[in-house]
Amino acid sequence: MRVVLIGLPDLTRSWKHDLAAAGERLGWDVVHLPPHDLARICRALPGADLLLWARTPGRSTPQGERVLAAAREAGVVTVGVHLDLYWTRPAREAEIGRHPWWQCDFVFTADGGHQSEFAARGVNHRWLPPPASRRWLTPGVVDRDRWPQPLIFVGTCPAGAHRDHRRRLLTWARARYGPRFGWYGTPDRRVWGEDLSSLYATARIVLAESVPSPKYWSDRVPLTLARGAPLAHQGTEGLADLGFGPDVVLTYELDQFGPLGDLIDNITDRELRERAERGRALVEEQHLWEHRLQEIEAVVHGTR
């Protein structure tokens, strides 16, 4: 299958890079192009089977209507892909159905709890639970001198969508665990790639959360588990249905941090290793980009 991918070919840490690599592993002929190169995108469409438009906010494809028109003229099925939450995010809600990207034949996002709302805006939406890349299945190097804290959180603490629950989580973790808790991902403590794999391989538990919304979580869930790290995450609706239940993830309820702390303090290292092993195996078997692309192919071809 020949696929034209509108992504970010020059940014190797982007999930668009992982998407392209997964397509190639499936034997697809993937032409990965940057979003601003309208002429090359349109030239690549004749003879293609699929246009995958992995949208990058802030790097909009100019004249997106022309891209879709060219694809349809060439008989190419168009699929929009992104890993964001859209409903409950006022700025994003306002654009649903309006930007040309939403007019693709199919739109796949990680926002799985608002199917009726998408349909009301005329969007042919499918849920795409976020996957991991196969490249992160290789365990990182344990380095306790560099990463001394047993409990860690990786990410920023933005205002808006996360409301105050992430701030409360971080405040609680620092108060309860003091120097045994490490917060990475802030501007002065960025961690990427192999360094992140090393951090996750060293940590006893990775603390995480996502914006509270049914059937939505960020790719930190599969990416953490792929790297073999024990993960604590709120029990979002849909997680257990996809295998991320309490036997894999240390689940907790938002703002109920006391029971989470008791779980962290009392669980044995052996139990954590067993959860981490199950989590990594689950991601490898069901939640890589190859799996998601096969699901997209099945929907596009009408077999699912």
C-alpha atoms as a PDB file:
ATOM      1  CA  MET A   1       0.000   0.000   0.000  1.00  0.00           C
ATOM      2  CA  ARG A   2       1.325   3.425  -0.953  1.00  0.00           C
ATOM      3  CA  VAL A   3       0.734   6.088   1.698  1.00  0.00           C
ATOM      4  CA  VAL A   4       1.329   9.833   1.652  1.00  0.00           C
ATOM      5  CA  LEU A   5       1.939  11.036   5.208  1.00  0.00           C
ATOM      6  CA  ILE A   6       1.696  14.705   6.128  1.00  0.00           C
ATOM      7  CA  GLY A   7       3.802  14.738   9.275  1.00  0.00           C
ATOM      8  CA  LEU A   8       7.152  15.996  10.547  1.00  0.00           C
ATOM      9  CA  PRO A   9       9.936  14.076   8.780  1.00  0.00           C
ATOM     10  CA  ASP A  10      12.714  16.198  10.299  1.00  0.00           C
ATOM     11  CA  LEU A  11      11.632  15.814  13.950  1.00  0.00           C
ATOM     12  CA  THR A  12      12.679  12.313  14.941  1.00  0.00           C
ATOM     13  CA  ARG A  13      11.281  12.533  18.478  1.00  0.00           C
ATOM     14  CA  SER A  14       7.759  13.211  17.142  1.00  0.00           C
ATOM     15  CA  TRP A  15       5.108  10.496  17.103  1.00  0.00           C
ATOM     16  CA  LYS A  16       4.723  11.269  13.387  1.00  0.00           C
ATOM     17  CA  HIS A  17       8.171   9.762  12.894  1.00  0.00           C
ATOM     18  CA  ASP A  18       7.019   6.655  14.796  1.00  0.00           C
ATOM     19  CA  LEU A  19       3.887   6.456  12.655  1.00  0.00           C
ATOM     20  CA  ALA A  20       5.964   6.517   9.462  1.00  0.00           C
ATOM     21  CA  ALA A  21       8.376   3.881  10.776  1.00  0.00           C
ATOM     22  CA  ALA A  22       5.489   1.607  11.747  1.00  0.00           C
ATOM     23  CA  GLY A  23       3.977   1.880   8.271  1.00  0.00           C
ATOM     24  CA  GLU A  24       7.280   0.870   6.739  1.00  0.00           C
ATOM     25  CA  ARG A  25       7.469  -2.144   9.064  1.00  0.00           C
ATOM     26  CA  LEU A  26       4.064  -3.204   7.758  1.00  0.00           C
ATOM     27  CA  GLY A  27       5.472  -3.112   4.249  1.00  0.00           C
ATOM     28  CA  TRP A  28       3.799   0.137   3.253  1.00  0.00           C
ATOM     29  CA  ASP A  29       5.469   2.528   0.842  1.00  0.00           C
ATOM     30  CA  VAL A  30       5.375   5.677   2.995  1.00  0.00           C
ATOM     31  CA  VAL A  31       6.109   9.106   1.525  1.00  0.00           C
ATOM     32  CA  HIS A  32       6.610  11.325   4.590  1.00  0.00           C
ATOM     33  CA  LEU A  33       6.287  15.042   3.810  1.00  0.00           C
ATOM     34  CA  PRO A  34       6.274  18.232   5.917  1.00  0.00           C
ATOM     35  CA  PRO A  35       2.937  20.046   6.338  1.00  0.00           C
ATOM     36  CA  HIS A  36       4.043  23.275   4.631  1.00  0.00           C
ATOM     37  CA  ASP A  37       5.075  21.689   1.307  1.00  0.00           C
ATOM     38  CA  LEU A  38       1.769  21.887  -0.565  1.00  0.00           C
ATOM     39  CA  ALA A  39       3.278  21.282  -4.015  1.00  0.00           C
ATOM     40  CA  ARG A  40       5.084  18.074  -3.034  1.00  0.00           C
ATOM     41  CA  ILE A  41       2.035  16.745  -1.215  1.00  0.00           C
ATOM     42  CA  CYS A  42      -0.190  17.242  -4.239  1.00  0.00           C
ATOM     43  CA  ARG A  43       2.400  15.734  -6.593  1.00  0.00           C
ATOM     44  CA  ALA A  44       2.701  12.638  -4.412  1.00  0.00           C
ATOM     45  CA  LEU A  45      -1.023  11.873  -4.344  1.00  0.00           C
ATOM     46  CA  PRO A  46      -1.622  10.281  -7.790  1.00  0.00           C
ATOM     47  CA  GLY A  47      -1.148   6.539  -7.415  1.00  0.00           C
ATOM     48  CA  ALA A  48      -1.374   6.582  -3.624  1.00  0.00           C
ATOM     49  CA  ASP A  49      -3.893   4.469  -1.719  1.00  0.00           C
ATOM     50  CA  LEU A  50      -4.101   6.578   1.419  1.00  0.00           C
ATOM     51  CA  LEU A  51      -3.401  10.096   2.637  1.00  0.00           C
ATOM     52  CA  LEU A  52      -2.566  10.145   6.355  1.00  0.00           C
ATOM     53  CA  TRP A  53      -2.733  13.721   7.594  1.00  0.00           C
ATOM     54  CA  ALA A  54      -1.072  13.728  11.013  1.00  0.00           C
ATOM     55  CA  ARG A  55      -1.934  17.254  11.966  1.00  0.00           C
ATOM     56  CA  THR A  56       0.546  19.466  13.808  1.00  0.00           C
ATOM     57  CA  PRO A  57      -1.117  22.474  15.496  1.00  0.00           C
ATOM     58  CA  GLY A  58       0.845  25.617  14.717  1.00  0.00           C
ATOM     59  CA  ARG A  59       2.213  24.116  11.494  1.00  0.00           C
ATOM     60  CA  SER A  60      -0.942  24.080   9.442  1.00  0.00           C
ATOM     61  CA  THR A  61      -0.961  22.762   5.910  1.00  0.00           C
ATOM     62  CA  PRO A  62      -1.657  25.753   3.642  1.00  0.00           C
ATOM     63  CA  GLN A  63      -4.791  25.478   1.532  1.00  0.00           C
ATOM     64  CA  GLY A  64      -5.878  22.235   3.132  1.00  0.00           C
ATOM     65  CA  GLU A  65      -8.993  22.259   0.968  1.00  0.00           C
ATOM     66  CA  ARG A  66      -6.744  21.921  -2.089  1.00  0.00           C
ATOM     67  CA  VAL A  67      -5.005  18.914  -0.577  1.00  0.00           C
ATOM     68  CA  LEU A  68      -8.308  17.145   0.071  1.00  0.00           C
ATOM     69  CA  ALA A  69      -9.604  18.049  -3.390  1.00  0.00           C
ATOM     70  CA  ALA A  70      -6.435  16.699  -5.004  1.00  0.00           C
ATOM     71  CA  ALA A  71      -6.699  13.496  -2.995  1.00  0.00           C
ATOM     72  CA  ARG A  72     -10.307  12.935  -3.971  1.00  0.00           C
ATOM     73  CA  GLU A  73      -9.576  13.663  -7.609  1.00  0.00           C
ATOM     74  CA  ALA A  74      -6.839  11.013  -7.446  1.00  0.00           C
ATOM     75  CA  GLY A  75      -9.163   8.543  -5.702  1.00  0.00           C
ATOM     76  CA  VAL A  76      -7.123   8.583  -2.483  1.00  0.00           C
ATOM     77  CA  VAL A  77      -8.847   7.949   0.856  1.00  0.00           C
ATOM     78  CA  THR A  78      -8.064  10.697   3.377  1.00  0.00           C
ATOM     79  CA  VAL A  79      -7.486  10.037   7.078  1.00  0.00           C
ATOM     80  CA  GLY A  80      -6.802  12.648   9.742  1.00  0.00           C
ATOM     81  CA  VAL A  81      -4.824  11.482  12.792  1.00  0.00           C
ATOM     82  CA  HIS A  82      -4.025  13.137  16.114  1.00  0.00           C
ATOM     83  CA  LEU A  83      -3.576  12.211  19.783  1.00  0.00           C
ATOM     84  CA  ASP A  84      -5.259  15.212  21.410  1.00  0.00           C
ATOM     85  CA  LEU A  85      -8.407  15.632  23.485  1.00  0.00           C
ATOM     86  CA  TYR A  86     -10.797  18.049  21.743  1.00  0.00           C
ATOM     87  CA  TRP A  87     -14.093  18.135  23.619  1.00  0.00           C
ATOM     88  CA  THR A  88     -13.969  19.943  26.995  1.00  0.00           C
ATOM     89  CA  ARG A  89     -11.157  22.086  25.544  1.00  0.00           C
ATOM     90  CA  PRO A  90     -12.937  25.351  24.559  1.00  0.00           C
ATOM     91  CA  ALA A  91     -10.377  26.554  21.999  1.00  0.00           C
ATOM     92  CA  ARG A  92     -10.286  23.150  20.308  1.00  0.00           C
ATOM     93  CA  GLU A  93     -14.040  22.603  20.483  1.00  0.00           C
ATOM     94  CA  ALA A  94     -14.576  25.798  18.516  1.00  0.00           C
ATOM     95  CA  GLU A  95     -12.599  24.489  15.531  1.00  0.00           C
ATOM     96  CA  ILE A  96     -14.098  20.985  15.312  1.00  0.00           C
ATOM     97  CA  GLY A  97     -15.588  20.481  11.873  1.00  0.00           C
ATOM     98  CA  ARG A  98     -14.280  23.808  10.579  1.00  0.00           C
ATOM     99  CA  HIS A  99     -10.616  23.279   9.750  1.00  0.00           C
ATOM    100  CA  PRO A 100     -10.150  21.260   6.499  1.00  0.00           C
ATOM    101  CA  TRP A 101      -8.419  18.504   8.475  1.00  0.00           C
ATOM    102  CA  TRP A 102     -11.780  17.635  10.042  1.00  0.00           C
ATOM    103  CA  GLN A 103     -13.208  17.074   6.563  1.00  0.00           C
ATOM    104  CA  CYS A 104     -11.053  14.020   5.885  1.00  0.00           C
ATOM    105  CA  ASP A 105     -12.980  10.865   4.993  1.00  0.00           C
ATOM    106  CA  PHE A 106     -12.058   9.541   8.439  1.00  0.00           C
ATOM    107  CA  VAL A 107     -10.673  11.308  11.505  1.00  0.00           C
ATOM    108  CA  PHE A 108      -8.937   9.293  14.235  1.00  0.00           C
ATOM    109  CA  THR A 109      -8.130  10.931  17.581  1.00  0.00           C
ATOM    110  CA  ALA A 110      -7.456   9.851  21.163  1.00  0.00           C
ATOM    111  CA  ASP A 111     -10.705  11.579  22.246  1.00  0.00           C
ATOM    112  CA  GLY A 112     -12.854   8.455  22.481  1.00  0.00           C
ATOM    113  CA  GLY A 113     -15.635   9.594  24.785  1.00  0.00           C
ATOM    114  CA  HIS A 114     -17.469  12.057  22.533  1.00  0.00           C
ATOM    115  CA  GLN A 115     -18.607  10.141  19.467  1.00  0.00           C
ATOM    116  CA  SER A 116     -22.068  11.732  19.346  1.00  0.00           C
ATOM    117  CA  GLU A 117     -20.587  15.227  19.637  1.00  0.00           C
ATOM    118  CA  PHE A 118     -18.217  14.587  16.736  1.00  0.00           C
ATOM    119  CA  ALA A 119     -21.063  13.227  14.638  1.00  0.00           C
ATOM    120  CA  ALA A 120     -23.167  16.312  15.373  1.00  0.00           C
ATOM    121  CA  ARG A 121     -20.389  18.426  13.817  1.00  0.00           C
ATOM    122  CA  GLY A 122     -20.311  16.239  10.719  1.00  0.00           C
ATOM    123  CA  VAL A 123     -17.007  14.540  11.570  1.00  0.00           C
ATOM    124  CA  ASN A 124     -16.591  10.850  10.705  1.00  0.00           C
ATOM    125  CA  HIS A 125     -14.637  10.158  13.880  1.00  0.00           C
ATOM    126  CA  ARG A 126     -13.009   6.994  15.222  1.00  0.00           C
ATOM    127  CA  TRP A 127     -11.280   6.447  18.542  1.00  0.00           C
ATOM    128  CA  LEU A 128      -7.512   5.971  18.327  1.00  0.00           C
ATOM    129  CA  PRO A 129      -6.139   4.961  21.750  1.00  0.00           C
ATOM    130  CA  PRO A 130      -2.581   6.314  21.824  1.00  0.00           C
ATOM    131  CA  PRO A 131       0.132   3.761  21.027  1.00  0.00           C
ATOM    132  CA  ALA A 132       3.882   3.555  21.555  1.00  0.00           C
ATOM    133  CA  SER A 133       6.733   3.088  19.132  1.00  0.00           C
ATOM    134  CA  ARG A 134       8.580  -0.208  18.908  1.00  0.00           C
ATOM    135  CA  ARG A 135      11.884   1.639  19.324  1.00  0.00           C
ATOM    136  CA  TRP A 136      11.071   2.292  22.998  1.00  0.00           C
ATOM    137  CA  LEU A 137      10.636  -1.365  23.890  1.00  0.00           C
ATOM    138  CA  THR A 138      14.397  -1.662  24.484  1.00  0.00           C
ATOM    139  CA  PRO A 139      15.049  -1.141  28.214  1.00  0.00           C
ATOM    140  CA  GLY A 140      17.053   1.904  29.237  1.00  0.00           C
ATOM    141  CA  VAL A 141      20.221   1.949  31.316  1.00  0.00           C
ATOM    142  CA  VAL A 142      19.704   2.005  35.090  1.00  0.00           C
ATOM    143  CA  ASP A 143      21.571   5.024  36.507  1.00  0.00           C
ATOM    144  CA  ARG A 144      20.730   5.825  40.124  1.00  0.00           C
ATOM    145  CA  ASP A 145      23.472   8.427  40.376  1.00  0.00           C
ATOM    146  CA  ARG A 146      21.787  10.462  37.666  1.00  0.00           C
ATOM    147  CA  TRP A 147      18.176   9.657  38.633  1.00  0.00           C
ATOM    148  CA  PRO A 148      18.196   9.169  42.431  1.00  0.00           C
ATOM    149  CA  GLN A 149      14.474   9.550  43.232  1.00  0.00           C
ATOM    150  CA  PRO A 150      12.388   6.350  43.400  1.00  0.00           C
ATOM    151  CA  LEU A 151       9.106   8.140  42.607  1.00  0.00           C
ATOM    152  CA  ILE A 152       9.018  10.469  39.599  1.00  0.00           C
ATOM    153  CA  PHE A 153       6.697  12.527  37.435  1.00  0.00           C
ATOM    154  CA  VAL A 154       7.575  13.602  33.883  1.00  0.00           C
ATOM    155  CA  GLY A 155       5.768  16.537  32.302  1.00  0.00           C
ATOM    156  CA  THR A 156       4.868  20.175  32.672  1.00  0.00           C
ATOM    157  CA  CYS A 157       2.087  21.607  34.824  1.00  0.00           C
ATOM    158  CA  PRO A 158       0.025  23.756  32.439  1.00  0.00           C
ATOM    159  CA  ALA A 159      -3.041  25.764  33.283  1.00  0.00           C
ATOM    160  CA  GLY A 160      -6.330  25.107  31.513  1.00  0.00           C
ATOM    161  CA  ALA A 161      -7.200  21.565  30.537  1.00  0.00           C
ATOM    162  CA  HIS A 162      -5.531  19.925  33.490  1.00  0.00           C
ATOM    163  CA  ARG A 163      -7.412  22.328  35.750  1.00  0.00           C
ATOM    164  CA  ASP A 164      -5.795  22.001  39.174  1.00  0.00           C
ATOM    165  CA  HIS A 165      -5.595  18.236  39.511  1.00  0.00           C
ATOM    166  CA  ARG A 166      -2.015  17.914  38.224  1.00  0.00           C
ATOM    167  CA  ARG A 167      -0.871  20.718  40.525  1.00  0.00           C
ATOM    168  CA  ARG A 168      -2.570  18.981  43.455  1.00  0.00           C
ATOM    169  CA  LEU A 169      -0.976  15.660  42.517  1.00  0.00           C
ATOM    170  CA  LEU A 170       2.496  17.213  42.380  1.00  0.00           C
ATOM    171  CA  THR A 171       1.939  19.162  45.597  1.00  0.00           C
ATOM    172  CA  TRP A 172       0.865  15.982  47.382  1.00  0.00           C
ATOM    173  CA  ALA A 173       3.818  13.960  46.040  1.00  0.00           C
ATOM    174  CA  ARG A 174       6.354  16.580  47.114  1.00  0.00           C
ATOM    175  CA  ALA A 175       4.762  16.909  50.558  1.00  0.00           C
ATOM    176  CA  ARG A 176       4.581  13.161  51.207  1.00  0.00           C
ATOM    177  CA  TYR A 177       7.857  12.027  49.639  1.00  0.00           C
ATOM    178  CA  GLY A 178      10.116  15.075  49.813  1.00  0.00           C
ATOM    179  CA  PRO A 179      13.536  14.343  48.246  1.00  0.00           C
ATOM    180  CA  ARG A 180      12.383  10.849  47.235  1.00  0.00           C
ATOM    181  CA  PHE A 181      10.136  12.461  44.598  1.00  0.00           C
ATOM    182  CA  GLY A 182      11.567  13.877  41.361  1.00  0.00           C
ATOM    183  CA  TRP A 183       9.756  16.102  38.882  1.00  0.00           C
ATOM    184  CA  TYR A 184      11.188  16.057  35.358  1.00  0.00           C
ATOM    185  CA  GLY A 185       9.969  17.675  32.169  1.00  0.00           C
ATOM    186  CA  THR A 186      10.069  21.260  33.388  1.00  0.00           C
ATOM    187  CA  PRO A 187      12.009  23.714  31.178  1.00  0.00           C
ATOM    188  CA  ASP A 188      15.188  23.253  33.224  1.00  0.00           C
ATOM    189  CA  ARG A 189      14.838  19.454  33.471  1.00  0.00           C
ATOM    190  CA  ARG A 190      13.898  18.296  29.974  1.00  0.00           C
ATOM    191  CA  VAL A 191      14.321  14.569  29.349  1.00  0.00           C
ATOM    192  CA  TRP A 192      13.977  12.951  25.901  1.00  0.00           C
ATOM    193  CA  GLY A 193      14.698   9.743  24.041  1.00  0.00           C
ATOM    194  CA  GLU A 194      17.307   7.422  25.521  1.00  0.00           C
ATOM    195  CA  ASP A 195      17.626   9.630  28.596  1.00  0.00           C
ATOM    196  CA  LEU A 196      13.918   9.165  29.269  1.00  0.00           C
ATOM    197  CA  SER A 197      14.308   5.400  28.858  1.00  0.00           C
ATOM    198  CA  SER A 198      17.130   5.478  31.399  1.00  0.00           C
ATOM    199  CA  LEU A 199      15.040   7.559  33.814  1.00  0.00           C
ATOM    200  CA  TYR A 200      12.119   5.135  33.526  1.00  0.00           C
ATOM    201  CA  ALA A 201      14.390   2.096  33.909  1.00  0.00           C
ATOM    202  CA  THR A 202      15.761   3.563  37.135  1.00  0.00           C
ATOM    203  CA  ALA A 203      12.569   4.825  38.789  1.00  0.00           C
ATOM    204  CA  ARG A 204      10.671   2.576  41.165  1.00  0.00           C
ATOM    205  CA  ILE A 205       7.304   4.091  40.145  1.00  0.00           C
ATOM    206  CA  VAL A 206       6.322   6.651  37.513  1.00  0.00           C
ATOM    207  CA  LEU A 207       3.464   8.876  38.653  1.00  0.00           C
ATOM    208  CA  ALA A 208       1.133  10.084  35.897  1.00  0.00           C
ATOM    209  CA  GLU A 209      -2.311  11.415  35.053  1.00  0.00           C
ATOM    210  CA  SER A 210      -4.303  12.707  32.083  1.00  0.00           C
ATOM    211  CA  VAL A 211      -7.012  15.302  31.587  1.00  0.00           C
ATOM    212  CA  PRO A 212     -10.143  13.731  33.137  1.00  0.00           C
ATOM    213  CA  SER A 213     -12.333  12.664  30.230  1.00  0.00           C
ATOM    214  CA  PRO A 214     -13.859   9.270  29.371  1.00  0.00           C
ATOM    215  CA  LYS A 215     -11.834   7.160  26.970  1.00  0.00           C
ATOM    216  CA  TYR A 216      -8.979   9.618  26.800  1.00  0.00           C
ATOM    217  CA  TRP A 217      -5.422   9.393  28.086  1.00  0.00           C
ATOM    218  CA  SER A 218      -2.143  10.665  26.759  1.00  0.00           C
ATOM    219  CA  ASP A 219       0.523   8.528  25.130  1.00  0.00           C
ATOM    220  CA  ARG A 220       2.479   8.631  28.390  1.00  0.00           C
ATOM    221  CA  VAL A 221       0.560   5.455  29.336  1.00  0.00           C
ATOM    222  CA  PRO A 222       1.866   3.187  26.532  1.00  0.00           C
ATOM    223  CA  LEU A 223       5.219   4.994  26.329  1.00  0.00           C
ATOM    224  CA  THR A 224       5.909   4.505  30.037  1.00  0.00           C
ATOM    225  CA  LEU A 225       4.859   0.863  30.000  1.00  0.00           C
ATOM    226  CA  ALA A 226       6.783   0.163  26.785  1.00  0.00           C
ATOM    227  CA  ARG A 227       9.944   1.247  28.570  1.00  0.00           C
ATOM    228  CA  GLY A 228       9.245  -1.241  31.348  1.00  0.00           C
ATOM    229  CA  ALA A 229       8.423   1.223  34.106  1.00  0.00           C
ATOM    230  CA  PRO A 230       5.787   0.611  36.828  1.00  0.00           C
ATOM    231  CA  LEU A 231       3.058   3.204  36.243  1.00  0.00           C
ATOM    232  CA  ALA A 232       0.553   4.865  38.591  1.00  0.00           C
ATOM    233  CA  HIS A 233      -2.321   6.516  36.710  1.00  0.00           C
ATOM    234  CA  GLN A 234      -5.900   7.481  37.447  1.00  0.00           C
ATOM    235  CA  GLY A 235      -8.491   4.842  36.559  1.00  0.00           C
ATOM    236  CA  THR A 236      -9.889   6.522  33.460  1.00  0.00           C
ATOM    237  CA  GLU A 237     -12.928   4.949  31.804  1.00  0.00           C
ATOM    238  CA  GLY A 238     -11.700   2.701  28.986  1.00  0.00           C
ATOM    239  CA  LEU A 239      -8.223   1.943  30.318  1.00  0.00           C
ATOM    240  CA  ALA A 240      -9.129  -1.406  31.858  1.00  0.00           C
ATOM    241  CA  ASP A 241     -11.100  -2.402  28.751  1.00  0.00           C
ATOM    242  CA  LEU A 242      -7.866  -2.206  26.752  1.00  0.00           C
ATOM    243  CA  GLY A 243      -5.857  -4.192  29.280  1.00  0.00           C
ATOM    244  CA  PHE A 244      -4.539  -1.358  31.439  1.00  0.00           C
ATOM    245  CA  GLY A 245      -6.289  -2.572  34.579  1.00  0.00           C
ATOM    246  CA  PRO A 246      -5.078  -2.747  38.196  1.00  0.00           C
ATOM    247  CA  ASP A 247      -2.979  -5.845  37.466  1.00  0.00           C
ATOM    248  CA  VAL A 248      -0.873  -3.689  35.110  1.00  0.00           C
ATOM    249  CA  VAL A 249      -1.286  -0.087  36.333  1.00  0.00           C
ATOM    250  CA  LEU A 250      -1.417   1.214  39.897  1.00  0.00           C
ATOM    251  CA  THR A 251      -4.773   2.929  39.508  1.00  0.00           C
ATOM    252  CA  TYR A 252      -6.095   5.690  41.726  1.00  0.00           C
ATOM    253  CA  GLU A 253      -8.952   8.165  41.874  1.00  0.00           C
ATOM    254  CA  LEU A 254      -8.221  11.817  41.236  1.00  0.00           C
ATOM    255  CA  ASP A 255      -7.731  13.787  44.451  1.00  0.00           C
ATOM    256  CA  GLN A 256      -7.800  10.608  46.551  1.00  0.00           C
ATOM    257  CA  PHE A 257      -4.072  10.576  47.115  1.00  0.00           C
ATOM    258  CA  GLY A 258      -4.010   8.944  50.536  1.00  0.00           C
ATOM    259  CA  PRO A 259      -4.897   5.480  49.185  1.00  0.00           C
ATOM    260  CA  LEU A 260      -2.409   6.001  46.346  1.00  0.00           C
ATOM    261  CA  GLY A 261       0.344   6.747  48.840  1.00  0.00           C
ATOM    262  CA  ASP A 262      -0.545   3.675  50.891  1.00  0.00           C
ATOM    263  CA  LEU A 263      -0.404   1.559  47.714  1.00  0.00           C
ATOM    264  CA  ILE A 264       2.978   2.985  46.732  1.00  0.00           C
ATOM    265  CA  ASP A 265       4.402   2.475  50.205  1.00  0.00           C
ATOM    266  CA  ASN A 266       3.171  -1.098  50.660  1.00  0.00           C
ATOM    267  CA  ILE A 267       3.603  -2.679  47.240  1.00  0.00           C
ATOM    268  CA  THR A 268       6.677  -4.874  46.968  1.00  0.00           C
ATOM    269  CA  ASP A 269       9.421  -4.522  44.391  1.00  0.00           C
ATOM    270  CA  ARG A 270       8.519  -7.966  43.080  1.00  0.00           C
ATOM    271  CA  GLU A 271       4.904  -6.917  42.525  1.00  0.00           C
ATOM    272  CA  LEU A 272       6.085  -3.797  40.717  1.00  0.00           C
ATOM    273  CA  ARG A 273       8.373  -5.837  38.458  1.00  0.00           C
ATOM    274  CA  GLU A 274       5.516  -8.190  37.616  1.00  0.00           C
ATOM    275  CA  ARG A 275       3.239  -5.281  36.710  1.00  0.00           C
ATOM    276  CA  ALA A 276       5.967  -3.697  34.622  1.00  0.00           C
ATOM    277  CA  GLU A 277       6.574  -6.948  32.752  1.00  0.00           C
ATOM    278  CA  ARG A 278       2.856  -7.374  32.045  1.00  0.00           C
ATOM    279  CA  GLY A 279       2.581  -3.767  30.922  1.00  0.00           C
ATOM    280  CA  ARG A 280       5.485  -3.983  28.531  1.00  0.00           C
ATOM    281  CA  ALA A 281       4.177  -7.255  27.055  1.00  0.00           C
ATOM    282  CA  LEU A 282       0.700  -5.754  26.659  1.00  0.00           C
ATOM    283  CA  VAL A 283       2.032  -2.758  24.735  1.00  0.00           C
ATOM    284  CA  GLU A 284       4.193  -4.966  22.510  1.00  0.00           C
ATOM    285  CA  GLU A 285       1.268  -7.252  21.719  1.00  0.00           C
ATOM    286  CA  GLN A 286      -1.549  -4.712  21.314  1.00  0.00           C
ATOM    287  CA  HIS A 287      -0.562  -1.044  21.572  1.00  0.00           C
ATOM    288  CA  LEU A 288       2.190  -0.210  19.094  1.00  0.00           C
ATOM    289  CA  TRP A 289       1.787   2.095  16.108  1.00  0.00           C
ATOM    290  CA  GLU A 290       1.724  -0.984  13.863  1.00  0.00           C
ATOM    291  CA  HIS A 291      -1.452  -2.133  15.618  1.00  0.00           C
ATOM    292  CA  ARG A 292      -3.130   1.247  15.227  1.00  0.00           C
ATOM    293  CA  LEU A 293      -2.237   1.474  11.544  1.00  0.00           C
ATOM    294  CA  GLN A 294      -3.680  -1.991  10.956  1.00  0.00           C
ATOM    295  CA  GLU A 295      -6.873  -0.837  12.684  1.00  0.00           C
ATOM    296  CA  ILE A 296      -7.008   2.262  10.472  1.00  0.00           C
ATOM    297  CA  GLU A 297      -6.473   0.107   7.378  1.00  0.00           C
ATOM    298  CA  ALA A 298      -9.313  -2.215   8.443  1.00  0.00           C
ATOM    299  CA  VAL A 299     -11.715   0.727   8.909  1.00  0.00           C
ATOM    300  CA  VAL A 300     -10.733   2.328   5.607  1.00  0.00           C
ATOM    301  CA  HIS A 301     -11.199  -0.947   3.728  1.00  0.00           C
ATOM    302  CA  GLY A 302     -14.527  -1.589   5.413  1.00  0.00           C
ATOM    303  CA  THR A 303     -13.482  -4.782   7.191  1.00  0.00           C
ATOM    304  CA  ARG A 304     -14.108  -3.289  10.607  1.00  0.00           C
END
